Every structure is written in structure tokens, then in C-alpha cells.
PDB file of N, CA and C in Angstrom:
ATOM      1  N   MET A   1      91.154 -34.861  17.821  1.00  0.00           N
ATOM      2  CA  MET A   1      92.443 -35.620  18.204  1.00  0.00           C
ATOM      3  C   MET A   1      92.358 -36.440  19.468  1.00  0.00           C
ATOM      4  N   VAL A   2      91.788 -35.819  20.500  1.00  0.00           N
ATOM      5  CA  VAL A   2      91.650 -36.592  21.797  1.00  0.00           C
ATOM      6  C   VAL A   2      90.738 -37.772  21.506  1.00  0.00           C
ATOM      7  N   LEU A   3      89.724 -37.730  20.783  1.00  0.00           N
ATOM      8  CA  LEU A   3      88.813 -38.861  20.608  1.00  0.00           C
ATOM      9  C   LEU A   3      89.521 -39.974  19.912  1.00  0.00           C
ATOM     10  N   VAL A   4      90.328 -39.758  18.953  1.00  0.00           N
ATOM     11  CA  VAL A   4      91.160 -40.757  18.268  1.00  0.00           C
ATOM     12  C   VAL A   4      92.006 -41.542  19.211  1.00  0.00           C
ATOM     13  N   ALA A   5      92.758 -40.756  20.114  1.00  0.00           N
ATOM     14  CA  ALA A   5      93.610 -41.390  21.088  1.00  0.00           C
ATOM     15  C   ALA A   5      92.843 -42.305  22.071  1.00  0.00           C
ATOM     16  N   VAL A   6      91.738 -41.812  22.430  1.00  0.00           N
ATOM     17  CA  VAL A   6      90.807 -42.773  23.420  1.00  0.00           C
ATOM     18  C   VAL A   6      90.428 -43.974  22.724  1.00  0.00           C
ATOM     19  N   ALA A   7      89.942 -43.841  21.418  1.00  0.00           N
ATOM     20  CA  ALA A   7      89.441 -44.952  20.698  1.00  0.00           C
ATOM     21  C   ALA A   7      90.669 -45.923  20.460  1.00  0.00           C
ATOM     22  N   ALA A   8      91.735 -45.443  20.065  1.00  0.00           N
ATOM     23  CA  ALA A   8      92.918 -46.315  19.834  1.00  0.00           C
ATOM     24  C   ALA A   8      93.371 -47.062  21.127  1.00  0.00           C
ATOM     25  N   GLY A   9      93.257 -46.375  22.336  1.00  0.00           N
ATOM     26  CA  GLY A   9      93.673 -46.888  23.552  1.00  0.00           C
ATOM     27  C   GLY A   9      92.722 -48.131  23.909  1.00  0.00           C
ATOM     28  N   GLY A  10      91.429 -47.949  23.576  1.00  0.00           N
ATOM     29  CA  GLY A  10      90.439 -48.900  23.814  1.00  0.00           C
ATOM     30  C   GLY A  10      90.665 -50.235  23.009  1.00  0.00           C
ATOM     31  N   ALA A  11      91.084 -49.995  21.753  1.00  0.00           N
ATOM     32  CA  ALA A  11      91.351 -51.113  20.956  1.00  0.00           C
ATOM     33  C   ALA A  11      92.608 -51.906  21.343  1.00  0.00           C
ATOM     34  N   ALA A  12      93.561 -51.226  21.812  1.00  0.00           N
ATOM     35  CA  ALA A  12      94.788 -51.858  22.389  1.00  0.00           C
ATOM     36  C   ALA A  12      94.453 -52.635  23.624  1.00  0.00           C
ATOM     37  N   ARG A  13      93.598 -52.222  24.446  1.00  0.00           N
ATOM     38  CA  ARG A  13      93.188 -53.049  25.604  1.00  0.00           C
ATOM     39  C   ARG A  13      92.363 -54.210  25.188  1.00  0.00           C
ATOM     40  N   ALA A  14      91.463 -54.207  24.181  1.00  0.00           N
ATOM     41  CA  ALA A  14      90.790 -55.374  23.703  1.00  0.00           C
ATOM     42  C   ALA A  14      91.732 -56.420  23.159  1.00  0.00           C
ATOM     43  N   THR A  15      92.751 -56.029  22.527  1.00  0.00           N
ATOM     44  CA  THR A  15      93.627 -56.821  21.839  1.00  0.00           C
ATOM     45  C   THR A  15      94.438 -57.662  23.015  1.00  0.00           C
ATOM     46  N   VAL A  16      94.945 -56.966  24.038  1.00  0.00           N
ATOM     47  CA  VAL A  16      95.576 -57.612  25.141  1.00  0.00           C
ATOM     48  C   VAL A  16      94.593 -58.573  25.865  1.00  0.00           C
ATOM     49  N   GLY A  17      93.411 -58.299  26.012  1.00  0.00           N
ATOM     50  CA  GLY A  17      92.480 -59.171  26.693  1.00  0.00           C
ATOM     51  C   GLY A  17      92.237 -60.400  25.876  1.00  0.00           C
ATOM     52  N   GLU A  18      92.137 -60.293  24.568  1.00  0.00           N
ATOM     53  CA  GLU A  18      91.930 -61.458  23.670  1.00  0.00           C
ATOM     54  C   GLU A  18      93.185 -62.414  23.866  1.00  0.00           C
ATOM     55  N   ARG A  19      94.354 -62.015  24.153  1.00  0.00           N
ATOM     56  CA  ARG A  19      95.466 -62.846  24.301  1.00  0.00           C
ATOM     57  C   ARG A  19      95.450 -63.496  25.716  1.00  0.00           C
ATOM     58  N   HIS A  20      94.583 -63.185  26.605  1.00  0.00           N
ATOM     59  CA  HIS A  20      94.652 -63.753  28.031  1.00  0.00           C
ATOM     60  C   HIS A  20      94.178 -65.157  27.913  1.00  0.00           C
ATOM     61  N   LEU A  21      94.959 -66.006  28.721  1.00  0.00           N
ATOM     62  CA  LEU A  21      94.516 -67.419  28.709  1.00  0.00           C
ATOM     63  C   LEU A  21      93.189 -67.764  29.350  1.00  0.00           C
ATOM     64  N   ARG A  22      92.372 -68.433  28.734  1.00  0.00           N
ATOM     65  CA  ARG A  22      91.059 -68.850  29.294  1.00  0.00           C
ATOM     66  C   ARG A  22      90.642 -70.069  28.532  1.00  0.00           C
ATOM     67  N   LEU A  23      89.689 -70.859  29.268  1.00  0.00           N
ATOM     68  CA  LEU A  23      89.237 -71.941  28.645  1.00  0.00           C
ATOM     69  C   LEU A  23      87.909 -71.529  27.776  1.00  0.00           C
ATOM     70  N   ILE A  24      87.999 -72.050  26.567  1.00  0.00           N
ATOM     71  CA  ILE A  24      86.868 -71.584  25.557  1.00  0.00           C
ATOM     72  C   ILE A  24      85.808 -72.578  25.530  1.00  0.00           C
ATOM     73  N   LYS A  25      86.158 -73.840  25.492  1.00  0.00           N
ATOM     74  CA  LYS A  25      85.135 -74.998  25.473  1.00  0.00           C
ATOM     75  C   LYS A  25      85.740 -76.335  25.890  1.00  0.00           C
ATOM     76  N   SER A  26      84.971 -77.289  26.017  1.00  0.00           N
ATOM     77  CA  SER A  26      85.465 -78.539  26.415  1.00  0.00           C
ATOM     78  C   SER A  26      84.698 -79.676  25.764  1.00  0.00           C
ATOM     79  N   SER A  27      85.264 -80.875  25.755  1.00  0.00           N
ATOM     80  CA  SER A  27      84.453 -82.114  25.370  1.00  0.00           C
ATOM     81  C   SER A  27      84.839 -83.111  26.235  1.00  0.00           C
ATOM     82  N   PRO A  28      83.964 -83.632  27.117  1.00  0.00           N
ATOM     83  CA  PRO A  28      82.604 -83.328  27.142  1.00  0.00           C
ATOM     84  C   PRO A  28      82.381 -81.804  27.670  1.00  0.00           C
ATOM     85  N   ALA A  29      81.250 -81.266  27.374  1.00  0.00           N
ATOM     86  CA  ALA A  29      80.983 -80.023  27.704  1.00  0.00           C
ATOM     87  C   ALA A  29      80.538 -79.862  29.218  1.00  0.00           C
ATOM     88  N   LYS A  30      80.634 -78.744  29.702  1.00  0.00           N
ATOM     89  CA  LYS A  30      80.125 -78.527  31.074  1.00  0.00           C
ATOM     90  C   LYS A  30      78.670 -78.918  31.211  1.00  0.00           C
ATOM     91  N   ASP A  31      78.360 -79.690  32.252  1.00  0.00           N
ATOM     92  CA  ASP A  31      76.982 -80.140  32.506  1.00  0.00           C
ATOM     93  C   ASP A  31      76.452 -81.043  31.409  1.00  0.00           C
ATOM     94  N   ALA A  32      77.256 -81.598  30.618  1.00  0.00           N
ATOM     95  CA  ALA A  32      76.651 -82.477  29.501  1.00  0.00           C
ATOM     96  C   ALA A  32      76.156 -83.738  30.138  1.00  0.00           C
ATOM     97  N   GLU A  33      75.099 -84.319  29.550  1.00  0.00           N
ATOM     98  CA  GLU A  33      74.651 -85.653  29.924  1.00  0.00           C
ATOM     99  C   GLU A  33      74.941 -86.520  28.666  1.00  0.00           C
ATOM    100  N   LEU A  34      75.761 -87.520  28.912  1.00  0.00           N
ATOM    101  CA  LEU A  34      76.261 -88.378  27.742  1.00  0.00           C
ATOM    102  C   LEU A  34      75.552 -89.774  27.884  1.00  0.00           C
ATOM    103  N   GLY A  35      75.339 -90.358  26.852  1.00  0.00           N
ATOM    104  CA  GLY A  35      74.845 -91.734  26.734  1.00  0.00           C
ATOM    105  C   GLY A  35      75.950 -92.767  27.013  1.00  0.00           C
ATOM    106  N   ASN A  36      77.119 -92.393  26.649  1.00  0.00           N
ATOM    107  CA  ASN A  36      78.342 -93.294  26.718  1.00  0.00           C
ATOM    108  C   ASN A  36      79.454 -92.496  27.402  1.00  0.00           C
ATOM    109  N   PRO A  37      80.381 -93.171  28.160  1.00  0.00           N
ATOM    110  CA  PRO A  37      81.588 -92.435  28.663  1.00  0.00           C
ATOM    111  C   PRO A  37      82.335 -91.932  27.533  1.00  0.00           C
ATOM    112  N   PRO A  38      83.044 -90.761  27.604  1.00  0.00           N
ATOM    113  CA  PRO A  38      83.894 -90.215  26.634  1.00  0.00           C
ATOM    114  C   PRO A  38      85.142 -90.940  26.438  1.00  0.00           C
ATOM    115  N   GLY A  39      85.719 -91.049  25.276  1.00  0.00           N
ATOM    116  CA  GLY A  39      87.033 -91.641  25.019  1.00  0.00           C
ATOM    117  C   GLY A  39      88.169 -90.890  25.327  1.00  0.00           C
ATOM    118  N   GLU A  40      87.922 -89.554  25.493  1.00  0.00           N
ATOM    119  CA  GLU A  40      88.941 -88.562  25.747  1.00  0.00           C
ATOM    120  C   GLU A  40      88.345 -87.276  26.547  1.00  0.00           C
ATOM    121  N   ILE A  41      89.164 -86.427  27.171  1.00  0.00           N
ATOM    122  CA  ILE A  41      88.872 -85.157  27.540  1.00  0.00           C
ATOM    123  C   ILE A  41      89.614 -84.242  26.700  1.00  0.00           C
ATOM    124  N   ARG A  42      88.909 -83.283  26.144  1.00  0.00           N
ATOM    125  CA  ARG A  42      89.600 -82.269  25.205  1.00  0.00           C
ATOM    126  C   ARG A  42      89.219 -80.871  25.726  1.00  0.00           C
ATOM    127  N   LEU A  43      90.170 -80.033  25.922  1.00  0.00           N
ATOM    128  CA  LEU A  43      90.022 -78.655  26.371  1.00  0.00           C
ATOM    129  C   LEU A  43      90.618 -77.678  25.302  1.00  0.00           C
ATOM    130  N   TRP A  44      89.817 -76.654  25.024  1.00  0.00           N
ATOM    131  CA  TRP A  44      90.147 -75.625  24.024  1.00  0.00           C
ATOM    132  C   TRP A  44      90.422 -74.367  24.824  1.00  0.00           C
ATOM    133  N   PHE A  45      91.651 -73.732  24.550  1.00  0.00           N
ATOM    134  CA  PHE A  45      92.100 -72.518  25.225  1.00  0.00           C
ATOM    135  C   PHE A  45      92.164 -71.474  24.218  1.00  0.00           C
ATOM    136  N   SER A  46      92.116 -70.277  24.706  1.00  0.00           N
ATOM    137  CA  SER A  46      92.238 -68.939  23.885  1.00  0.00           C
ATOM    138  C   SER A  46      93.616 -68.778  23.382  1.00  0.00           C
ATOM    139  N   VAL A  47      94.555 -69.307  23.980  1.00  0.00           N
ATOM    140  CA  VAL A  47      95.956 -69.122  23.433  1.00  0.00           C
ATOM    141  C   VAL A  47      96.650 -70.394  23.663  1.00  0.00           C
ATOM    142  N   VAL A  48      97.948 -70.508  23.217  1.00  0.00           N
ATOM    143  CA  VAL A  48      98.741 -71.805  23.450  1.00  0.00           C
ATOM    144  C   VAL A  48      99.062 -71.949  24.836  1.00  0.00           C
ATOM    145  N   THR A  49      98.965 -73.115  25.297  1.00  0.00           N
ATOM    146  CA  THR A  49      99.288 -73.403  26.649  1.00  0.00           C
ATOM    147  C   THR A  49     100.681 -74.030  26.922  1.00  0.00           C
ATOM    148  N   GLU A  50     101.153 -74.135  28.080  1.00  0.00           N
ATOM    149  CA  GLU A  50     102.545 -74.731  28.400  1.00  0.00           C
ATOM    150  C   GLU A  50     102.225 -76.156  28.757  1.00  0.00           C
ATOM    151  N   LEU A  51     102.594 -77.152  27.960  1.00  0.00           N
ATOM    152  CA  LEU A  51     102.337 -78.505  28.182  1.00  0.00           C
ATOM    153  C   LEU A  51     103.055 -78.926  29.468  1.00  0.00           C
ATOM    154  N   SER A  52     104.235 -78.456  29.794  1.00  0.00           N
ATOM    155  CA  SER A  52     104.957 -79.066  30.931  1.00  0.00           C
ATOM    156  C   SER A  52     104.277 -78.923  32.225  1.00  0.00           C
ATOM    157  N   VAL A  53     103.468 -77.976  32.450  1.00  0.00           N
ATOM    158  CA  VAL A  53     102.699 -77.638  33.635  1.00  0.00           C
ATOM    159  C   VAL A  53     101.294 -78.029  33.553  1.00  0.00           C
ATOM    160  N   SER A  54     100.723 -78.522  32.427  1.00  0.00           N
ATOM    161  CA  SER A  54      99.329 -78.801  32.205  1.00  0.00           C
ATOM    162  C   SER A  54      98.946 -80.257  32.909  1.00  0.00           C
ATOM    163  N   ARG A  55      97.747 -80.231  33.498  1.00  0.00           N
ATOM    164  CA  ARG A  55      97.266 -81.535  34.074  1.00  0.00           C
ATOM    165  C   ARG A  55      95.777 -81.511  33.771  1.00  0.00           C
ATOM    166  N   ILE A  56      95.214 -82.687  33.703  1.00  0.00           N
ATOM    167  CA  ILE A  56      93.866 -82.896  33.600  1.00  0.00           C
ATOM    168  C   ILE A  56      93.524 -84.165  34.501  1.00  0.00           C
ATOM    169  N   LYS A  57      92.410 -84.062  35.455  1.00  0.00           N
ATOM    170  CA  LYS A  57      92.147 -85.015  36.325  1.00  0.00           C
ATOM    171  C   LYS A  57      90.632 -85.286  36.090  1.00  0.00           C
ATOM    172  N   LEU A  58      90.223 -86.627  36.146  1.00  0.00           N
ATOM    173  CA  LEU A  58      88.766 -87.044  35.989  1.00  0.00           C
ATOM    174  C   LEU A  58      88.541 -87.747  37.299  1.00  0.00           C
ATOM    175  N   THR A  59      87.501 -87.391  37.963  1.00  0.00           N
ATOM    176  CA  THR A  59      87.065 -87.849  39.229  1.00  0.00           C
ATOM    177  C   THR A  59      85.582 -88.177  39.234  1.00  0.00           C
ATOM    178  N   ALA A  60      85.262 -89.368  39.903  1.00  0.00           N
ATOM    179  CA  ALA A  60      83.850 -89.763  40.007  1.00  0.00           C
ATOM    180  C   ALA A  60      83.306 -89.041  41.234  1.00  0.00           C
ATOM    181  N   ALA A  61      81.928 -89.106  41.405  1.00  0.00           N
ATOM    182  CA  ALA A  61      81.211 -88.417  42.498  1.00  0.00           C
ATOM    183  C   ALA A  61      81.750 -88.937  43.835  1.00  0.00           C
ATOM    184  N   ASP A  62      82.128 -90.247  43.871  1.00  0.00           N
ATOM    185  CA  ASP A  62      82.573 -90.865  45.183  1.00  0.00           C
ATOM    186  C   ASP A  62      84.026 -90.544  45.430  1.00  0.00           C
ATOM    187  N   GLY A  63      84.693 -89.789  44.722  1.00  0.00           N
ATOM    188  CA  GLY A  63      86.031 -89.425  44.838  1.00  0.00           C
ATOM    189  C   GLY A  63      87.057 -90.335  44.005  1.00  0.00           C
ATOM    190  N   THR A  64      86.581 -91.347  43.456  1.00  0.00           N
ATOM    191  CA  THR A  64      87.575 -92.249  42.755  1.00  0.00           C
ATOM    192  C   THR A  64      88.007 -91.539  41.542  1.00  0.00           C
ATOM    193  N   GLU A  65      89.389 -91.596  41.331  1.00  0.00           N
ATOM    194  CA  GLU A  65      90.002 -90.955  40.171  1.00  0.00           C
ATOM    195  C   GLU A  65      90.067 -91.946  39.046  1.00  0.00           C
ATOM    196  N   ILE A  66      89.538 -91.491  37.832  1.00  0.00           N
ATOM    197  CA  ILE A  66      89.424 -92.340  36.624  1.00  0.00           C
ATOM    198  C   ILE A  66      90.804 -92.093  35.930  1.00  0.00           C
ATOM    199  N   GLU A  67      91.415 -93.154  35.533  1.00  0.00           N
ATOM    200  CA  GLU A  67      92.731 -93.120  34.899  1.00  0.00           C
ATOM    201  C   GLU A  67      92.739 -92.505  33.605  1.00  0.00           C
ATOM    202  N   LEU A  68      93.558 -91.462  33.312  1.00  0.00           N
ATOM    203  CA  LEU A  68      93.636 -90.917  32.070  1.00  0.00           C
ATOM    204  C   LEU A  68      95.069 -91.077  31.508  1.00  0.00           C
ATOM    205  N   GLY A  69      95.257 -90.989  30.143  1.00  0.00           N
ATOM    206  CA  GLY A  69      96.540 -91.103  29.517  1.00  0.00           C
ATOM    207  C   GLY A  69      97.170 -89.796  29.712  1.00  0.00           C
ATOM    208  N   ARG A  70      98.418 -89.684  29.233  1.00  0.00           N
ATOM    209  CA  ARG A  70      99.246 -88.456  29.307  1.00  0.00           C
ATOM    210  C   ARG A  70      98.583 -87.393  28.634  1.00  0.00           C
ATOM    211  N   VAL A  71      98.699 -86.193  29.108  1.00  0.00           N
ATOM    212  CA  VAL A  71      98.072 -84.970  28.520  1.00  0.00           C
ATOM    213  C   VAL A  71      99.021 -84.588  27.400  1.00  0.00           C
ATOM    214  N   GLU A  72      98.365 -84.280  26.263  1.00  0.00           N
ATOM    215  CA  GLU A  72      99.130 -83.969  25.070  1.00  0.00           C
ATOM    216  C   GLU A  72      98.479 -82.766  24.437  1.00  0.00           C
ATOM    217  N   VAL A  73      99.238 -82.026  23.520  1.00  0.00           N
ATOM    218  CA  VAL A  73      98.847 -80.995  22.780  1.00  0.00           C
ATOM    219  C   VAL A  73      98.001 -81.398  21.495  1.00  0.00           C
ATOM    220  N   GLY A  74      96.769 -81.007  21.402  1.00  0.00           N
ATOM    221  CA  GLY A  74      96.025 -81.250  20.118  1.00  0.00           C
ATOM    222  C   GLY A  74      96.258 -80.113  19.203  1.00  0.00           C
ATOM    223  N   ASP A  75      95.294 -79.974  18.342  1.00  0.00           N
ATOM    224  CA  ASP A  75      95.201 -78.902  17.362  1.00  0.00           C
ATOM    225  C   ASP A  75      94.533 -77.661  17.968  1.00  0.00           C
ATOM    226  N   GLU A  76      94.641 -76.495  17.394  1.00  0.00           N
ATOM    227  CA  GLU A  76      93.937 -75.287  17.727  1.00  0.00           C
ATOM    228  C   GLU A  76      93.948 -74.955  19.258  1.00  0.00           C
ATOM    229  N   ASN A  77      95.150 -74.904  19.933  1.00  0.00           N
ATOM    230  CA  ASN A  77      95.213 -74.712  21.300  1.00  0.00           C
ATOM    231  C   ASN A  77      94.552 -75.571  22.215  1.00  0.00           C
ATOM    232  N   THR A  78      94.571 -76.960  21.920  1.00  0.00           N
ATOM    233  CA  THR A  78      93.794 -77.802  22.803  1.00  0.00           C
ATOM    234  C   THR A  78      94.846 -78.667  23.597  1.00  0.00           C
ATOM    235  N   LEU A  79      94.331 -79.092  24.722  1.00  0.00           N
ATOM    236  CA  LEU A  79      94.934 -80.098  25.472  1.00  0.00           C
ATOM    237  C   LEU A  79      93.953 -81.315  25.463  1.00  0.00           C
ATOM    238  N   VAL A  80      94.560 -82.481  25.320  1.00  0.00           N
ATOM    239  CA  VAL A  80      93.863 -83.787  25.212  1.00  0.00           C
ATOM    240  C   VAL A  80      94.436 -84.784  26.148  1.00  0.00           C
ATOM    241  N   ALA A  81      93.544 -85.626  26.827  1.00  0.00           N
ATOM    242  CA  ALA A  81      93.880 -86.709  27.445  1.00  0.00           C
ATOM    243  C   ALA A  81      92.917 -87.853  27.198  1.00  0.00           C
ATOM    244  N   ALA A  82      93.508 -89.058  26.749  1.00  0.00           N
ATOM    245  CA  ALA A  82      92.614 -90.201  26.517  1.00  0.00           C
ATOM    246  C   ALA A  82      92.174 -90.792  27.796  1.00  0.00           C
ATOM    247  N   VAL A  83      90.947 -91.318  27.853  1.00  0.00           N
ATOM    248  CA  VAL A  83      90.453 -91.931  29.007  1.00  0.00           C
ATOM    249  C   VAL A  83      90.974 -93.379  28.967  1.00  0.00           C
ATOM    250  N   ALA A  84      91.826 -93.770  30.019  1.00  0.00           N
ATOM    251  CA  ALA A  84      92.545 -95.057  29.863  1.00  0.00           C
ATOM    252  C   ALA A  84      91.764 -96.088  30.553  1.00  0.00           C
ATOM    253  N   ALA A  85      90.712 -95.791  31.322  1.00  0.00           N
ATOM    254  CA  ALA A  85      89.984 -96.859  32.146  1.00  0.00           C
ATOM    255  C   ALA A  85      88.478 -96.677  31.762  1.00  0.00           C
ATOM    256  N   GLU A  86      87.817 -97.882  31.903  1.00  0.00           N
ATOM    257  CA  GLU A  86      86.381 -97.927  31.677  1.00  0.00           C
ATOM    258  C   GLU A  86      85.741 -97.277  32.857  1.00  0.00           C
ATOM    259  N   PHE A  87      84.560 -96.745  32.700  1.00  0.00           N
ATOM    260  CA  PHE A  87      83.754 -96.208  33.817  1.00  0.00           C
ATOM    261  C   PHE A  87      82.254 -96.244  33.497  1.00  0.00           C
ATOM    262  N   SER A  88      81.424 -96.235  34.444  1.00  0.00           N
ATOM    263  CA  SER A  88      80.015 -96.401  34.233  1.00  0.00           C
ATOM    264  C   SER A  88      79.087 -95.107  34.366  1.00  0.00           C
ATOM    265  N   ALA A  89      77.901 -95.300  34.360  1.00  0.00           N
ATOM    266  CA  ALA A  89      77.048 -94.154  34.529  1.00  0.00           C
ATOM    267  C   ALA A  89      77.197 -93.501  35.883  1.00  0.00           C
ATOM    268  N   GLY A  90      77.017 -92.181  35.908  1.00  0.00           N
ATOM    269  CA  GLY A  90      77.330 -91.489  37.191  1.00  0.00           C
ATOM    270  C   GLY A  90      77.766 -90.099  36.946  1.00  0.00           C
ATOM    271  N   SER A  91      78.032 -89.264  37.879  1.00  0.00           N
ATOM    272  CA  SER A  91      78.583 -87.910  37.788  1.00  0.00           C
ATOM    273  C   SER A  91      79.965 -87.787  37.923  1.00  0.00           C
ATOM    274  N   TYR A  92      80.588 -87.035  37.120  1.00  0.00           N
ATOM    275  CA  TYR A  92      82.096 -86.882  37.114  1.00  0.00           C
ATOM    276  C   TYR A  92      82.532 -85.474  37.124  1.00  0.00           C
ATOM    277  N   GLU A  93      83.759 -85.125  37.486  1.00  0.00           N
ATOM    278  CA  GLU A  93      84.320 -83.784  37.542  1.00  0.00           C
ATOM    279  C   GLU A  93      85.589 -83.974  36.736  1.00  0.00           C
ATOM    280  N   VAL A  94      85.868 -82.942  35.860  1.00  0.00           N
ATOM    281  CA  VAL A  94      87.034 -82.730  35.268  1.00  0.00           C
ATOM    282  C   VAL A  94      87.751 -81.510  35.860  1.00  0.00           C
ATOM    283  N   ALA A  95      88.881 -81.670  36.410  1.00  0.00           N
ATOM    284  CA  ALA A  95      89.664 -80.558  36.987  1.00  0.00           C
ATOM    285  C   ALA A  95      90.943 -80.400  36.137  1.00  0.00           C
ATOM    286  N   TRP A  96      91.235 -79.261  35.878  1.00  0.00           N
ATOM    287  CA  TRP A  96      92.413 -79.002  35.006  1.00  0.00           C
ATOM    288  C   TRP A  96      93.298 -77.828  35.501  1.00  0.00           C
ATOM    289  N   ARG A  97      94.536 -77.818  34.999  1.00  0.00           N
ATOM    290  CA  ARG A  97      95.461 -76.772  35.395  1.00  0.00           C
ATOM    291  C   ARG A  97      96.451 -76.528  34.137  1.00  0.00           C
ATOM    292  N   THR A  98      96.701 -75.333  33.850  1.00  0.00           N
ATOM    293  CA  THR A  98      97.630 -75.090  32.773  1.00  0.00           C
ATOM    294  C   THR A  98      98.206 -73.724  32.969  1.00  0.00           C
ATOM    295  N   SER A  99      98.989 -73.278  32.044  1.00  0.00           N
ATOM    296  CA  SER A  99      99.676 -72.026  32.133  1.00  0.00           C
ATOM    297  C   SER A  99      99.907 -71.539  30.673  1.00  0.00           C
ATOM    298  N   SER A 100      99.797 -70.239  30.444  1.00  0.00           N
ATOM    299  CA  SER A 100     100.208 -69.634  29.307  1.00  0.00           C
ATOM    300  C   SER A 100     101.655 -69.595  29.136  1.00  0.00           C
ATOM    301  N   ARG A 101     102.320 -69.340  28.046  1.00  0.00           N
ATOM    302  CA  ARG A 101     103.699 -69.432  27.911  1.00  0.00           C
ATOM    303  C   ARG A 101     104.356 -68.183  28.690  1.00  0.00           C
ATOM    304  N   ASP A 102     103.570 -67.213  29.097  1.00  0.00           N
ATOM    305  CA  ASP A 102     104.176 -66.133  29.851  1.00  0.00           C
ATOM    306  C   ASP A 102     104.231 -66.455  31.362  1.00  0.00           C
ATOM    307  N   GLY A 103     103.741 -67.718  31.739  1.00  0.00           N
ATOM    308  CA  GLY A 103     103.807 -68.124  33.116  1.00  0.00           C
ATOM    309  C   GLY A 103     102.743 -67.914  33.958  1.00  0.00           C
ATOM    310  N   HIS A 104     101.560 -67.442  33.498  1.00  0.00           N
ATOM    311  CA  HIS A 104     100.411 -67.146  34.336  1.00  0.00           C
ATOM    312  C   HIS A 104      99.544 -68.399  34.424  1.00  0.00           C
ATOM    313  N   PRO A 105      99.491 -69.114  35.593  1.00  0.00           N
ATOM    314  CA  PRO A 105      98.726 -70.403  35.720  1.00  0.00           C
ATOM    315  C   PRO A 105      97.224 -70.063  35.866  1.00  0.00           C
ATOM    316  N   ILE A 106      96.418 -71.043  35.360  1.00  0.00           N
ATOM    317  CA  ILE A 106      94.990 -70.993  35.641  1.00  0.00           C
ATOM    318  C   ILE A 106      94.543 -72.370  35.968  1.00  0.00           C
ATOM    319  N   THR A 107      93.545 -72.514  36.653  1.00  0.00           N
ATOM    320  CA  THR A 107      92.852 -73.702  36.926  1.00  0.00           C
ATOM    321  C   THR A 107      91.296 -73.657  36.821  1.00  0.00           C
ATOM    322  N   GLY A 108      90.780 -74.800  36.696  1.00  0.00           N
ATOM    323  CA  GLY A 108      89.264 -74.755  36.525  1.00  0.00           C
ATOM    324  C   GLY A 108      88.750 -76.278  36.735  1.00  0.00           C
ATOM    325  N   ALA A 109      87.384 -76.305  36.880  1.00  0.00           N
ATOM    326  CA  ALA A 109      86.780 -77.666  36.996  1.00  0.00           C
ATOM    327  C   ALA A 109      85.374 -77.539  36.346  1.00  0.00           C
ATOM    328  N   PHE A 110      84.752 -78.628  35.848  1.00  0.00           N
ATOM    329  CA  PHE A 110      83.381 -78.618  35.534  1.00  0.00           C
ATOM    330  C   PHE A 110      82.940 -80.099  35.552  1.00  0.00           C
ATOM    331  N   GLY A 111      81.632 -80.285  35.654  1.00  0.00           N
ATOM    332  CA  GLY A 111      81.059 -81.661  35.766  1.00  0.00           C
ATOM    333  C   GLY A 111      80.265 -82.017  34.605  1.00  0.00           C
ATOM    334  N   PHE A 112      80.166 -83.250  34.429  1.00  0.00           N
ATOM    335  CA  PHE A 112      79.280 -83.904  33.340  1.00  0.00           C
ATOM    336  C   PHE A 112      78.803 -85.144  33.947  1.00  0.00           C
ATOM    337  N   SER A 113      77.825 -85.847  33.207  1.00  0.00           N
ATOM    338  CA  SER A 113      77.300 -87.089  33.751  1.00  0.00           C
ATOM    339  C   SER A 113      77.087 -88.102  32.630  1.00  0.00           C
ATOM    340  N   VAL A 114      77.280 -89.327  32.946  1.00  0.00           N
ATOM    341  CA  VAL A 114      76.982 -90.405  32.013  1.00  0.00           C
ATOM    342  C   VAL A 114      75.745 -90.997  32.516  1.00  0.00           C
ATOM    343  N   VAL A 115      74.700 -91.030  31.658  1.00  0.00           N
ATOM    344  CA  VAL A 115      73.336 -91.602  32.032  1.00  0.00           C
ATOM    345  C   VAL A 115      73.223 -92.980  31.521  1.00  0.00           C
ATOM    346  N   ASP A 116      72.598 -93.723  32.194  1.00  0.00           N
ATOM    347  CA  ASP A 116      72.244 -95.167  31.907  1.00  0.00           C
ATOM    348  C   ASP A 116      71.149 -95.219  30.815  1.00  0.00           C
ATOM    349  N   THR A 117      71.410 -95.669  29.724  1.00  0.00           N
ATOM    350  CA  THR A 117      70.403 -95.509  28.547  1.00  0.00           C
ATOM    351  C   THR A 117      69.796 -96.938  28.430  1.00  0.00           C
ATOM    352  N   GLU A 118      69.942 -97.852  29.281  1.00  0.00           N
ATOM    353  CA  GLU A 118      69.306 -99.111  29.147  1.00  0.00           C
ATOM    354  C   GLU A 118      67.882 -99.118  29.604  1.00  0.00           C
TER     355      GLU A 118
END
């Protein structure tokens, strides 16, 4: 009987951990080398995010901020922001902030580059 209780407790902890907000993937992907600038930034999360506190920022290596459209909710727990300005080859950083519906905020950042294919 004791083994059953321990096993059940472990399963309950795993279920709670799976509901914890975290970034699952992104487009562009972390450290991606793209031939063309992306038309949008898309972030997939493990659970539904709170749009009202969500932000996405795109910055060039020299610190210039690239204009993005409004952050919107996509499908399958995603946040999406259209790239509203043209930009060229170089290194870029995506910084983001969001929160789960229970109010626990998380932030993160990752880089990608656009390579000159000419």
C-alpha cells in the first residue's frame, strides 16, 4: 500500500509540472540562421498565456529596436507579433515577457541571425 501512495504522489507532481508556464519553441528558432527576415515572431508556450501582460521586443545587435505589430494570441498557446518594419542581414534578439493566467510572470530572450545570401 505504501508503494501505491508514493507512486500516485509522483504522478500528481508530474501533472502539476506539466501545467507550469514555459516557452516550448519559437519561430524563428533560437540561434537560427535565416536567409530572409521573418515576417512574424511566434512563441509557443506550455499553457495559455495572459495577453494583457504579454510583450515581444525585437532588437538589432546595435540596440536598434525593430518595429513589431501588436502582440496577439495565435492558436495552440501561441503569442504572435508581425514584423512591421523591414530589416537586413545581422544579428537580432527577441525578448519576451508573459504570464500564465494564475499570475506567475516569466521572461526570456534568444537570438537569431539573418545572413546575406547574395
